[in-house]
């Protein structure tokens, strides 16, 4: 029998996630945010500032260890934008190489965002084209 309600537990995957201090959240002290690979955002409060930074660094370490490089997006006959697939597998790449890979990824994403913003869709274009443009822009900004 499956549990439902407040007692039900759902595992929270941290692969390709990012933990950081919730600087915009001012209602309570020592709050950090966790943004997951599927773009969900969670806020957590720690008892002290030191414990908050400890949680942030540990979560980011585990996220890095279980964040293999993304697979290319699925290929289809349609031209629509599809986000790449983010595998939840231990990274077999040494930390230094993984760091270089992340830097190269950031450079590619920045260049792709620049190109994307240079090629605006027509204002009177199809709604689907405008929506595709918006989705890709949101993804590139998130990355």
N, C-alpha and C. Protein backbone atom coordinates (compact mmCIF):
# COMPACT_ATOMS: atom_id res chain seq x y z
N UNK A 1 0.85 -1.18 0.00
CA UNK A 1 0.00 0.00 0.00
C UNK A 1 0.89 1.24 0.00
N UNK A 2 0.59 2.18 -0.92
CA UNK A 2 1.38 3.40 -1.00
C UNK A 2 0.91 4.41 0.02
N UNK A 3 1.88 5.11 0.60
CA UNK A 3 1.53 6.16 1.55
C UNK A 3 1.19 7.44 0.80
N UNK A 4 0.28 8.19 1.35
CA UNK A 4 -0.06 9.48 0.78
C UNK A 4 -0.14 10.48 1.91
N UNK A 5 -0.03 11.75 1.56
CA UNK A 5 -0.12 12.80 2.57
C UNK A 5 1.24 13.20 3.08
N UNK A 6 1.26 13.87 4.24
CA UNK A 6 2.52 14.40 4.75
C UNK A 6 3.53 13.33 5.12
N UNK A 7 3.10 12.10 5.36
CA UNK A 7 4.03 11.04 5.74
C UNK A 7 4.73 10.43 4.53
N UNK A 8 4.20 10.65 3.33
CA UNK A 8 4.79 10.07 2.12
C UNK A 8 6.15 10.73 1.86
N UNK A 9 7.12 9.90 1.51
CA UNK A 9 8.45 10.42 1.24
C UNK A 9 8.78 10.23 -0.23
N UNK A 10 9.35 11.25 -0.81
CA UNK A 10 9.78 11.19 -2.19
C UNK A 10 11.27 11.50 -2.20
N UNK A 11 12.08 10.63 -2.78
CA UNK A 11 13.52 10.92 -2.80
C UNK A 11 13.79 12.16 -3.65
N UNK A 12 14.79 12.89 -3.25
CA UNK A 12 15.16 14.11 -3.95
C UNK A 12 16.53 13.90 -4.57
N UNK A 13 16.56 13.78 -5.90
CA UNK A 13 17.83 13.58 -6.60
C UNK A 13 18.61 14.88 -6.66
N UNK A 14 19.91 14.79 -6.39
CA UNK A 14 20.74 16.00 -6.42
C UNK A 14 21.68 16.03 -7.62
N UNK A 15 21.57 15.05 -8.53
CA UNK A 15 22.42 15.11 -9.72
C UNK A 15 22.09 16.37 -10.50
N UNK A 16 23.09 17.05 -10.98
CA UNK A 16 22.96 18.30 -11.74
C UNK A 16 22.19 19.37 -10.96
N UNK A 17 22.28 19.32 -9.64
CA UNK A 17 21.60 20.32 -8.80
C UNK A 17 22.62 21.37 -8.35
N UNK A 18 22.10 22.45 -7.80
CA UNK A 18 22.96 23.50 -7.28
C UNK A 18 22.37 24.01 -5.97
N UNK A 19 23.19 23.99 -4.94
CA UNK A 19 22.79 24.56 -3.64
C UNK A 19 23.53 25.88 -3.48
N UNK A 20 22.83 26.89 -3.00
CA UNK A 20 23.44 28.19 -2.77
C UNK A 20 22.66 28.94 -1.70
N UNK A 21 23.31 29.92 -1.10
CA UNK A 21 22.66 30.74 -0.09
C UNK A 21 21.47 31.44 -0.73
N UNK A 22 20.34 31.45 -0.06
CA UNK A 22 19.14 32.11 -0.58
C UNK A 22 19.19 33.58 -0.21
N UNK A 23 19.96 34.33 -0.97
CA UNK A 23 20.20 35.74 -0.63
C UNK A 23 18.94 36.60 -0.76
N UNK A 24 18.00 36.20 -1.61
CA UNK A 24 16.78 37.00 -1.79
C UNK A 24 15.71 36.66 -0.75
N UNK A 25 15.92 35.58 -0.01
CA UNK A 25 14.94 35.17 1.00
C UNK A 25 15.36 35.79 2.33
N UNK A 26 14.55 36.71 2.86
CA UNK A 26 14.95 37.46 4.06
C UNK A 26 14.04 37.21 5.26
N UNK A 27 13.07 36.33 5.14
CA UNK A 27 12.14 36.10 6.25
C UNK A 27 12.80 35.38 7.42
N UNK A 28 13.76 34.51 7.14
CA UNK A 28 14.43 33.73 8.18
C UNK A 28 15.93 33.71 7.92
N UNK A 29 16.72 33.52 8.96
CA UNK A 29 18.18 33.47 8.77
C UNK A 29 18.64 32.08 8.34
N UNK A 30 19.82 32.02 7.76
CA UNK A 30 20.50 30.75 7.43
C UNK A 30 19.69 29.86 6.49
N UNK A 31 19.10 30.46 5.49
CA UNK A 31 18.29 29.71 4.52
C UNK A 31 19.10 29.54 3.24
N UNK A 32 19.10 28.32 2.71
CA UNK A 32 19.73 28.09 1.42
C UNK A 32 18.73 27.44 0.48
N UNK A 33 18.98 27.61 -0.81
CA UNK A 33 18.07 27.07 -1.82
C UNK A 33 18.77 25.96 -2.58
N UNK A 34 17.98 24.99 -2.98
CA UNK A 34 18.47 23.88 -3.78
C UNK A 34 17.64 23.85 -5.05
N UNK A 35 18.30 24.02 -6.19
CA UNK A 35 17.61 23.94 -7.47
C UNK A 35 18.03 22.64 -8.12
N UNK A 36 17.05 21.80 -8.45
CA UNK A 36 17.32 20.47 -8.98
C UNK A 36 17.41 20.49 -10.50
N UNK A 37 17.79 19.36 -11.07
CA UNK A 37 17.94 19.24 -12.52
C UNK A 37 16.62 19.49 -13.25
N UNK A 38 15.51 19.18 -12.60
CA UNK A 38 14.21 19.41 -13.24
C UNK A 38 13.63 20.78 -12.87
N UNK A 39 14.49 21.69 -12.42
CA UNK A 39 14.20 23.09 -12.15
C UNK A 39 13.30 23.32 -10.94
N UNK A 40 13.12 22.31 -10.09
CA UNK A 40 12.37 22.55 -8.85
C UNK A 40 13.29 23.28 -7.88
N UNK A 41 12.71 24.13 -7.04
CA UNK A 41 13.48 24.89 -6.06
C UNK A 41 12.96 24.56 -4.67
N UNK A 42 13.89 24.24 -3.76
CA UNK A 42 13.56 23.94 -2.37
C UNK A 42 14.34 24.89 -1.48
N UNK A 43 13.72 25.35 -0.41
CA UNK A 43 14.40 26.18 0.58
C UNK A 43 14.58 25.38 1.85
N UNK A 44 15.77 25.46 2.43
CA UNK A 44 16.09 24.77 3.67
C UNK A 44 16.67 25.77 4.65
N UNK A 45 16.36 25.58 5.93
CA UNK A 45 16.92 26.45 6.95
C UNK A 45 17.83 25.64 7.86
N UNK A 46 19.01 26.16 8.09
CA UNK A 46 19.98 25.53 8.99
C UNK A 46 20.00 26.30 10.30
N UNK A 47 20.41 25.64 11.41
CA UNK A 47 20.44 26.33 12.70
C UNK A 47 21.47 27.46 12.77
N UNK A 48 22.60 27.29 12.07
CA UNK A 48 23.65 28.32 12.12
C UNK A 48 24.17 28.58 10.71
N UNK A 49 24.87 29.69 10.58
CA UNK A 49 25.47 30.04 9.29
C UNK A 49 26.52 29.00 8.88
N UNK A 50 27.33 28.55 9.84
CA UNK A 50 28.36 27.57 9.55
C UNK A 50 27.75 26.27 9.04
N UNK A 51 26.67 25.83 9.68
CA UNK A 51 26.01 24.59 9.26
C UNK A 51 25.38 24.76 7.88
N UNK A 52 24.84 25.94 7.60
CA UNK A 52 24.25 26.21 6.28
C UNK A 52 25.33 26.06 5.21
N UNK A 53 26.49 26.69 5.39
CA UNK A 53 27.55 26.60 4.40
C UNK A 53 28.11 25.18 4.30
N UNK A 54 28.09 24.45 5.40
CA UNK A 54 28.52 23.05 5.37
C UNK A 54 27.57 22.22 4.50
N UNK A 55 26.27 22.42 4.69
CA UNK A 55 25.27 21.71 3.88
C UNK A 55 25.43 22.06 2.41
N UNK A 56 25.61 23.35 2.12
CA UNK A 56 25.75 23.79 0.73
C UNK A 56 26.94 23.11 0.08
N UNK A 57 28.09 23.12 0.75
CA UNK A 57 29.28 22.52 0.14
C UNK A 57 29.14 21.02 -0.01
N UNK A 58 28.54 20.35 0.94
CA UNK A 58 28.38 18.89 0.84
C UNK A 58 27.39 18.51 -0.25
N UNK A 59 26.29 19.24 -0.35
CA UNK A 59 25.31 18.96 -1.40
C UNK A 59 25.94 19.18 -2.77
N UNK A 60 26.67 20.29 -2.93
CA UNK A 60 27.30 20.57 -4.22
C UNK A 60 28.37 19.54 -4.57
N UNK A 61 29.08 19.04 -3.56
CA UNK A 61 30.08 18.00 -3.80
C UNK A 61 29.40 16.73 -4.32
N UNK A 62 28.34 16.30 -3.65
CA UNK A 62 27.63 15.09 -4.09
C UNK A 62 27.00 15.31 -5.46
N UNK A 63 26.45 16.51 -5.69
CA UNK A 63 25.87 16.82 -6.99
C UNK A 63 26.93 16.70 -8.08
N UNK A 64 28.12 17.20 -7.82
CA UNK A 64 29.20 17.11 -8.81
C UNK A 64 29.62 15.67 -9.05
N UNK A 65 29.67 14.88 -7.99
CA UNK A 65 30.08 13.48 -8.12
C UNK A 65 29.08 12.66 -8.93
N UNK A 66 27.80 13.04 -8.90
CA UNK A 66 26.76 12.29 -9.60
C UNK A 66 26.20 13.05 -10.80
N UNK A 67 27.02 13.90 -11.39
CA UNK A 67 26.58 14.69 -12.54
C UNK A 67 27.48 14.42 -13.73
N UNK A 68 27.21 13.32 -14.39
CA UNK A 68 27.95 13.02 -15.62
C UNK A 68 27.59 14.06 -16.67
N UNK A 69 28.45 14.26 -17.65
CA UNK A 69 28.14 15.24 -18.69
C UNK A 69 26.79 14.94 -19.36
N UNK A 70 26.07 15.98 -19.77
CA UNK A 70 24.75 15.76 -20.37
C UNK A 70 24.84 15.04 -21.71
N UNK A 71 23.82 14.23 -21.99
CA UNK A 71 23.69 13.61 -23.30
C UNK A 71 23.05 14.62 -24.23
N UNK A 72 23.31 14.53 -25.52
CA UNK A 72 22.61 15.44 -26.44
C UNK A 72 21.10 15.19 -26.38
N UNK A 73 20.34 16.20 -26.73
CA UNK A 73 18.89 16.07 -26.74
C UNK A 73 18.49 15.02 -27.77
N UNK A 74 17.32 14.46 -27.57
CA UNK A 74 16.80 13.46 -28.50
C UNK A 74 16.64 14.07 -29.89
N UNK A 75 16.87 13.26 -30.90
CA UNK A 75 16.75 13.72 -32.28
C UNK A 75 15.38 13.31 -32.81
N UNK A 76 14.74 14.23 -33.49
CA UNK A 76 13.43 13.94 -34.06
C UNK A 76 13.27 14.65 -35.39
N UNK A 77 12.17 14.40 -36.03
CA UNK A 77 11.93 15.02 -37.34
C UNK A 77 11.45 16.46 -37.20
N UNK A 78 11.04 16.85 -36.00
CA UNK A 78 10.59 18.22 -35.80
C UNK A 78 11.76 19.08 -35.38
N UNK A 79 11.67 20.39 -35.65
CA UNK A 79 12.75 21.30 -35.32
C UNK A 79 12.67 21.84 -33.91
N UNK A 80 11.72 21.43 -33.14
CA UNK A 80 11.50 22.05 -31.84
C UNK A 80 12.66 21.81 -30.88
N UNK A 81 12.80 22.74 -29.94
CA UNK A 81 13.88 22.69 -28.95
C UNK A 81 13.57 21.65 -27.88
N UNK A 82 14.55 20.83 -27.55
CA UNK A 82 14.43 19.84 -26.49
C UNK A 82 15.67 19.96 -25.62
N UNK A 83 15.47 20.04 -24.30
CA UNK A 83 16.61 20.13 -23.38
C UNK A 83 17.42 18.85 -23.43
N UNK A 84 18.75 18.94 -23.18
CA UNK A 84 19.57 17.73 -23.14
C UNK A 84 19.19 16.84 -21.96
N UNK A 85 19.56 15.59 -22.05
CA UNK A 85 19.25 14.62 -20.99
C UNK A 85 20.38 14.67 -19.96
N UNK A 86 20.01 14.80 -18.69
CA UNK A 86 20.99 14.89 -17.61
C UNK A 86 21.04 13.56 -16.87
N UNK A 87 22.08 12.74 -17.12
CA UNK A 87 22.16 11.43 -16.47
C UNK A 87 22.48 11.54 -14.99
N UNK A 88 21.91 10.63 -14.22
CA UNK A 88 22.18 10.55 -12.78
C UNK A 88 23.12 9.38 -12.54
N UNK A 89 24.35 9.53 -12.97
CA UNK A 89 25.34 8.47 -12.83
C UNK A 89 26.61 9.07 -12.25
N UNK A 90 27.34 8.28 -11.48
CA UNK A 90 28.61 8.80 -10.95
C UNK A 90 29.53 9.22 -12.08
N UNK A 91 30.16 10.35 -11.91
CA UNK A 91 31.09 10.84 -12.91
C UNK A 91 32.39 10.06 -12.79
N UNK A 92 32.88 9.55 -13.90
CA UNK A 92 34.14 8.80 -13.89
C UNK A 92 35.31 9.68 -14.31
N UNK A 93 35.03 10.95 -14.44
CA UNK A 93 36.05 11.91 -14.89
C UNK A 93 36.77 12.47 -13.67
N UNK A 94 38.11 12.58 -13.73
CA UNK A 94 38.84 13.20 -12.61
C UNK A 94 38.34 14.63 -12.37
N UNK A 95 38.38 15.11 -11.12
CA UNK A 95 37.84 16.44 -10.79
C UNK A 95 38.40 17.57 -11.66
N UNK A 96 39.71 17.53 -11.95
CA UNK A 96 40.30 18.61 -12.75
C UNK A 96 39.71 18.61 -14.16
N UNK A 97 39.56 17.43 -14.73
CA UNK A 97 38.99 17.33 -16.08
C UNK A 97 37.51 17.71 -16.07
N UNK A 98 36.81 17.34 -15.01
CA UNK A 98 35.40 17.69 -14.89
C UNK A 98 35.25 19.22 -14.81
N UNK A 99 36.15 19.87 -14.08
CA UNK A 99 36.12 21.33 -13.97
C UNK A 99 36.34 21.97 -15.34
N UNK A 100 37.32 21.47 -16.09
CA UNK A 100 37.56 21.99 -17.45
C UNK A 100 36.35 21.74 -18.34
N UNK A 101 35.74 20.59 -18.19
CA UNK A 101 34.55 20.27 -18.99
C UNK A 101 33.41 21.23 -18.68
N UNK A 102 33.22 21.56 -17.40
CA UNK A 102 32.17 22.52 -17.01
C UNK A 102 32.46 23.91 -17.57
N UNK A 103 33.73 24.31 -17.54
CA UNK A 103 34.09 25.62 -18.10
C UNK A 103 33.82 25.66 -19.60
N UNK A 104 34.17 24.59 -20.30
CA UNK A 104 33.92 24.53 -21.75
C UNK A 104 32.41 24.55 -22.02
N UNK A 105 31.65 23.84 -21.19
CA UNK A 105 30.19 23.82 -21.33
C UNK A 105 29.62 25.23 -21.15
N UNK A 106 30.11 25.95 -20.16
CA UNK A 106 29.64 27.32 -19.92
C UNK A 106 29.97 28.23 -21.09
N UNK A 107 31.14 28.07 -21.68
CA UNK A 107 31.50 28.87 -22.85
C UNK A 107 30.57 28.56 -24.02
N UNK A 108 30.27 27.26 -24.23
CA UNK A 108 29.36 26.89 -25.33
C UNK A 108 27.97 27.45 -25.10
N UNK A 109 27.49 27.37 -23.86
CA UNK A 109 26.14 27.87 -23.54
C UNK A 109 26.09 29.39 -23.72
N UNK A 110 27.13 30.09 -23.27
CA UNK A 110 27.16 31.55 -23.43
C UNK A 110 27.15 31.93 -24.91
N UNK A 111 27.93 31.22 -25.71
CA UNK A 111 27.95 31.49 -27.15
C UNK A 111 26.60 31.18 -27.79
N UNK A 112 26.00 30.08 -27.39
CA UNK A 112 24.68 29.70 -27.93
C UNK A 112 23.62 30.73 -27.54
N UNK A 113 23.69 31.23 -26.31
CA UNK A 113 22.74 32.27 -25.88
C UNK A 113 22.93 33.54 -26.69
N UNK A 114 24.18 33.92 -26.93
CA UNK A 114 24.47 35.10 -27.74
C UNK A 114 23.87 34.94 -29.14
N UNK A 115 24.12 33.79 -29.76
CA UNK A 115 23.59 33.53 -31.10
C UNK A 115 22.07 33.49 -31.09
N UNK A 116 21.51 32.90 -30.06
CA UNK A 116 20.05 32.78 -29.95
C UNK A 116 19.41 34.16 -29.87
N UNK A 117 20.01 35.05 -29.09
CA UNK A 117 19.45 36.40 -28.92
C UNK A 117 19.65 37.25 -30.16
N UNK A 118 20.64 36.93 -30.98
CA UNK A 118 20.83 37.66 -32.24
C UNK A 118 19.79 37.28 -33.28
N UNK A 119 19.24 36.09 -33.19
CA UNK A 119 18.28 35.58 -34.17
C UNK A 119 16.87 35.58 -33.60
N UNK A 120 16.35 36.76 -33.34
CA UNK A 120 15.00 36.88 -32.80
C UNK A 120 13.98 36.39 -33.81
N UNK A 121 12.92 35.73 -33.36
CA UNK A 121 11.86 35.34 -34.30
C UNK A 121 11.05 36.56 -34.72
N UNK A 122 10.37 36.45 -35.82
CA UNK A 122 9.55 37.56 -36.30
C UNK A 122 8.43 37.82 -35.32
N UNK A 123 8.14 39.10 -35.09
CA UNK A 123 7.08 39.46 -34.14
C UNK A 123 5.73 38.91 -34.57
N UNK A 124 5.52 38.82 -35.87
CA UNK A 124 4.24 38.31 -36.38
C UNK A 124 4.35 36.85 -36.78
N UNK A 125 5.38 36.19 -36.27
CA UNK A 125 5.58 34.78 -36.58
C UNK A 125 4.55 33.90 -35.89
N UNK A 126 4.69 32.63 -36.13
CA UNK A 126 3.77 31.67 -35.53
C UNK A 126 3.97 31.63 -34.02
N UNK A 127 2.91 31.42 -33.29
CA UNK A 127 2.97 31.35 -31.83
C UNK A 127 3.92 30.25 -31.37
N UNK A 128 3.93 29.14 -32.10
CA UNK A 128 4.79 28.02 -31.73
C UNK A 128 6.26 28.42 -31.83
N UNK A 129 6.62 29.20 -32.87
CA UNK A 129 8.01 29.65 -33.02
C UNK A 129 8.41 30.57 -31.86
N UNK A 130 7.50 31.45 -31.47
CA UNK A 130 7.78 32.36 -30.35
C UNK A 130 7.93 31.58 -29.05
N UNK A 131 7.09 30.56 -28.88
CA UNK A 131 7.16 29.73 -27.68
C UNK A 131 8.47 28.94 -27.64
N UNK A 132 8.87 28.39 -28.80
CA UNK A 132 10.14 27.66 -28.88
C UNK A 132 11.31 28.58 -28.53
N UNK A 133 11.28 29.80 -29.05
CA UNK A 133 12.33 30.77 -28.77
C UNK A 133 12.41 31.04 -27.27
N UNK A 134 11.25 31.26 -26.65
CA UNK A 134 11.20 31.54 -25.21
C UNK A 134 11.73 30.36 -24.40
N UNK A 135 11.32 29.13 -24.75
CA UNK A 135 11.77 27.95 -24.02
C UNK A 135 13.28 27.78 -24.08
N UNK A 136 13.84 27.96 -25.28
CA UNK A 136 15.28 27.81 -25.43
C UNK A 136 16.01 28.90 -24.67
N UNK A 137 15.50 30.13 -24.72
CA UNK A 137 16.13 31.23 -23.99
C UNK A 137 16.11 30.96 -22.49
N UNK A 138 14.97 30.50 -21.97
CA UNK A 138 14.88 30.18 -20.54
C UNK A 138 15.90 29.11 -20.15
N UNK A 139 16.03 28.09 -20.99
CA UNK A 139 16.98 27.02 -20.71
C UNK A 139 18.42 27.56 -20.69
N UNK A 140 18.77 28.34 -21.72
CA UNK A 140 20.13 28.85 -21.81
C UNK A 140 20.45 29.80 -20.64
N UNK A 141 19.50 30.62 -20.26
CA UNK A 141 19.71 31.50 -19.10
C UNK A 141 19.87 30.69 -17.82
N UNK A 142 19.07 29.63 -17.69
CA UNK A 142 19.18 28.76 -16.50
C UNK A 142 20.56 28.11 -16.43
N UNK A 143 21.02 27.62 -17.57
CA UNK A 143 22.33 26.97 -17.60
C UNK A 143 23.42 27.95 -17.23
